[in-house]
């Protein structure tokens, strides 16, 4: 059995492959990886929602890989984050961070997001192509999450570099080395904040964790690592994917350019159309489970293809068309259930502010190269562009 998601053409446009798999069966077996177990890929919308909310599908990777031989040596603070845990531990950790991403908390960040966006756009050249990823999509979310966590300005490029390597495909040693670097940095940052407190989110987490005997120092570092990395990586990809979607749909681009007040409502359709997280992280069946007509044995790895579910015609008619009139609030770009992205309100605020500013300053923005020449990141977990050259 071959894995169709490993085809190089899949990186450029995974959706025809997903559609064929979903048409055959919305829950497809996948061959075992190197030294791993055979798994399943979920491509249907209804099946994805069911899997994401089913407590019989565990996220506790430590439990399912206990005793397994592996050449991988990621740092535990990176390998065993809140994303890789189940209730009640997951519930306790999520409660600690959720308060930072309430509507009120995000509203207080909007002036900083706006100032940072304007500062970055001020640096764009007045003529010639500019890389939207390097010029805005990457540095903006890094600046926002680092500001939230109190990361000094001079150290933010390191955070961005380690994060990129954590999501890199290819040599696992590069990923593992980056995991140790970002974990060591974060542990050091926690120690510095204890010595010199501020009013950052990290300080709030330190106080809350120190008051909870059930939360360890590694839990604290792991939470901070997750926020640092997941807090900007997916938003970077969402910004690039959304702008590309608009640039390749001129009618929709013209609409939001003329009516910037429609941008907040358009975000759900943009997030649905080309999801920044292609597949959710692994789940494992704790008992035999029937899903989408497939019988999954206990202990089976399960990948939920969020991007595929968001293109399921059973839920979104004409799913391959970007339609800003569509009601797409039920998309799964942020996941579903107890593991739904806690930072979704912040990500949407960043997207809204960024697109308002870009379209106001550069109403004639267009692709600098044909869309089929763009390079996509070589990883199945996230979907994002290496660069997005545009003419302004």
Foldseek 3Di string as FASTA:
>chain_A
DADVCQPPVCQLPVQVVLVVVVVVFQKAWACADVQGHIFIEGQAQVLQQCQLADLLWALQVCVLCPPRDDPFDADCLAVGALSSHDPPVNVVLCVLCLVCQDPVNLVVCLVVLLVVLVVLVVPDDPFDKDWCLVSPLQPSLLVSLCVQAVPDPVCSVLLSVLLVQCQAPDDSVSNRVSNVVLLVVLLVVLVVCVVPPDPHSLNSSNVVQVVDPVQDSSNSSSSSNCCNRVSRQLLSQLLQQLVVLCQVVVVVLVVCLVPVVLLLLQSLLSCLQAAQFQKRDWIFRCAWDQTRNDIDGHGHIYIYGLNSNSQHCVVPPPSNHRDSVDRRPVRQSQHDHPNRNSNVSNSSSSSSSNVVVCCVVCVPKHFPDDSSPWAWRPGNGGTGTPTTMITD
